[in-house]
């Protein structure tokens, strides 16, 4: 029984590892007009899970987490 449980846990870890290791950083504008960042596996997931994302905001893939756009303020939100 222990072997079966250990095997099932190992399989679950192997299946979950690729999704966790491919998390990318996205920038978006929140409802206050501030540029925020979040990690997600793809742009659709980023849009769906971004906290307080602005009504007309999309997401932008960041290749450098120190991008100067982070923390900026956007007018007209």
C-alpha atoms as a PDB file:
ATOM      1  CA  UNK A   1       0.000   0.000   0.000  1.00  0.00           C
ATOM      2  CA  UNK A   2       2.857   2.387   0.848  1.00  0.00           C
ATOM      3  CA  UNK A   3       4.498   1.729  -2.506  1.00  0.00           C
ATOM      4  CA  UNK A   4       1.286   2.464  -4.376  1.00  0.00           C
ATOM      5  CA  UNK A   5       0.753   5.706  -2.454  1.00  0.00           C
ATOM      6  CA  UNK A   6       4.371   6.768  -2.983  1.00  0.00           C
ATOM      7  CA  UNK A   7       4.100   5.985  -6.697  1.00  0.00           C
ATOM      8  CA  UNK A   8       0.913   8.024  -7.020  1.00  0.00           C
ATOM      9  CA  UNK A   9       2.509  10.996  -5.242  1.00  0.00           C
ATOM     10  CA  UNK A  10       5.613  10.763  -7.427  1.00  0.00           C
ATOM     11  CA  UNK A  11       3.472  10.691 -10.569  1.00  0.00           C
ATOM     12  CA  UNK A  12       1.502  13.726  -9.373  1.00  0.00           C
ATOM     13  CA  UNK A  13       4.757  15.619  -8.755  1.00  0.00           C
ATOM     14  CA  UNK A  14       6.069  14.799 -12.228  1.00  0.00           C
ATOM     15  CA  UNK A  15       2.819  15.901 -13.859  1.00  0.00           C
ATOM     16  CA  UNK A  16       2.653  19.143 -11.835  1.00  0.00           C
ATOM     17  CA  UNK A  17       6.327  20.098 -12.280  1.00  0.00           C
ATOM     18  CA  UNK A  18       6.175  21.314 -15.902  1.00  0.00           C
ATOM     19  CA  UNK A  19       3.331  23.744 -15.242  1.00  0.00           C
ATOM     20  CA  UNK A  20       5.123  25.207 -12.241  1.00  0.00           C
ATOM     21  CA  UNK A  21       8.484  25.473 -13.976  1.00  0.00           C
ATOM     22  CA  UNK A  22       7.114  27.341 -16.992  1.00  0.00           C
ATOM     23  CA  UNK A  23       5.533  30.235 -15.060  1.00  0.00           C
ATOM     24  CA  UNK A  24       6.156  33.515 -16.849  1.00  0.00           C
ATOM     25  CA  UNK A  25       5.914  37.061 -15.511  1.00  0.00           C
ATOM     26  CA  UNK A  26       3.209  39.320 -16.923  1.00  0.00           C
ATOM     27  CA  UNK A  27       2.457  43.006 -16.340  1.00  0.00           C
ATOM     28  CA  UNK A  28      -1.077  44.404 -16.223  1.00  0.00           C
ATOM     29  CA  UNK A  29      -2.850  47.583 -15.116  1.00  0.00           C
ATOM     30  CA  UNK A  30      -5.019  47.303 -12.011  1.00  0.00           C
ATOM     31  CA  UNK A  31      -8.242  49.223 -11.341  1.00  0.00           C
ATOM     32  CA  UNK A  32      -6.281  52.065  -9.689  1.00  0.00           C
ATOM     33  CA  UNK A  33      -4.147  52.553 -12.808  1.00  0.00           C
ATOM     34  CA  UNK A  34      -0.941  51.078 -11.370  1.00  0.00           C
ATOM     35  CA  UNK A  35       1.166  48.644 -13.413  1.00  0.00           C
ATOM     36  CA  UNK A  36       1.428  45.384 -11.459  1.00  0.00           C
ATOM     37  CA  UNK A  37       3.041  42.003 -12.135  1.00  0.00           C
ATOM     38  CA  UNK A  38       1.974  38.414 -11.702  1.00  0.00           C
ATOM     39  CA  UNK A  39       3.166  34.946 -12.672  1.00  0.00           C
ATOM     40  CA  UNK A  40       1.146  32.620 -14.868  1.00  0.00           C
ATOM     41  CA  UNK A  41       1.709  29.778 -17.320  1.00  0.00           C
ATOM     42  CA  UNK A  42       0.115  31.656 -20.249  1.00  0.00           C
ATOM     43  CA  UNK A  43      -1.562  35.002 -21.078  1.00  0.00           C
ATOM     44  CA  UNK A  44      -5.105  33.638 -20.696  1.00  0.00           C
ATOM     45  CA  UNK A  45      -4.377  32.399 -17.200  1.00  0.00           C
ATOM     46  CA  UNK A  46      -2.759  35.749 -16.355  1.00  0.00           C
ATOM     47  CA  UNK A  47      -5.849  37.696 -17.441  1.00  0.00           C
ATOM     48  CA  UNK A  48      -8.193  35.356 -15.567  1.00  0.00           C
ATOM     49  CA  UNK A  49      -6.247  35.400 -12.290  1.00  0.00           C
ATOM     50  CA  UNK A  50      -4.772  38.927 -12.122  1.00  0.00           C
ATOM     51  CA  UNK A  51      -6.058  40.551  -8.929  1.00  0.00           C
ATOM     52  CA  UNK A  52      -8.047  43.771  -9.500  1.00  0.00           C
ATOM     53  CA  UNK A  53      -7.221  43.864 -13.232  1.00  0.00           C
ATOM     54  CA  UNK A  54      -8.592  46.967 -14.958  1.00  0.00           C
ATOM     55  CA  UNK A  55     -11.665  46.628 -17.156  1.00  0.00           C
ATOM     56  CA  UNK A  56      -9.765  47.396 -20.384  1.00  0.00           C
ATOM     57  CA  UNK A  57      -6.395  45.972 -19.327  1.00  0.00           C
ATOM     58  CA  UNK A  58      -4.600  43.159 -21.056  1.00  0.00           C
ATOM     59  CA  UNK A  59      -1.333  41.535 -20.061  1.00  0.00           C
ATOM     60  CA  UNK A  60       2.202  42.072 -21.327  1.00  0.00           C
ATOM     61  CA  UNK A  61       4.910  39.417 -21.109  1.00  0.00           C
ATOM     62  CA  UNK A  62       7.966  40.678 -19.238  1.00  0.00           C
ATOM     63  CA  UNK A  63      11.375  39.257 -20.074  1.00  0.00           C
ATOM     64  CA  UNK A  64      13.077  41.184 -17.255  1.00  0.00           C
ATOM     65  CA  UNK A  65      11.489  41.440 -13.802  1.00  0.00           C
ATOM     66  CA  UNK A  66      13.228  44.794 -13.243  1.00  0.00           C
ATOM     67  CA  UNK A  67      11.428  46.370 -16.222  1.00  0.00           C
ATOM     68  CA  UNK A  68      10.957  50.109 -15.549  1.00  0.00           C
ATOM     69  CA  UNK A  69       7.248  49.929 -16.468  1.00  0.00           C
ATOM     70  CA  UNK A  70       6.484  48.127 -13.178  1.00  0.00           C
ATOM     71  CA  UNK A  71       4.950  50.498 -10.657  1.00  0.00           C
ATOM     72  CA  UNK A  72       4.151  53.203 -13.218  1.00  0.00           C
ATOM     73  CA  UNK A  73       0.788  54.926 -13.149  1.00  0.00           C
ATOM     74  CA  UNK A  74      -1.566  54.914 -16.141  1.00  0.00           C
ATOM     75  CA  UNK A  75      -4.049  57.758 -16.615  1.00  0.00           C
ATOM     76  CA  UNK A  76      -7.612  57.246 -17.792  1.00  0.00           C
ATOM     77  CA  UNK A  77      -8.318  53.959 -16.052  1.00  0.00           C
END
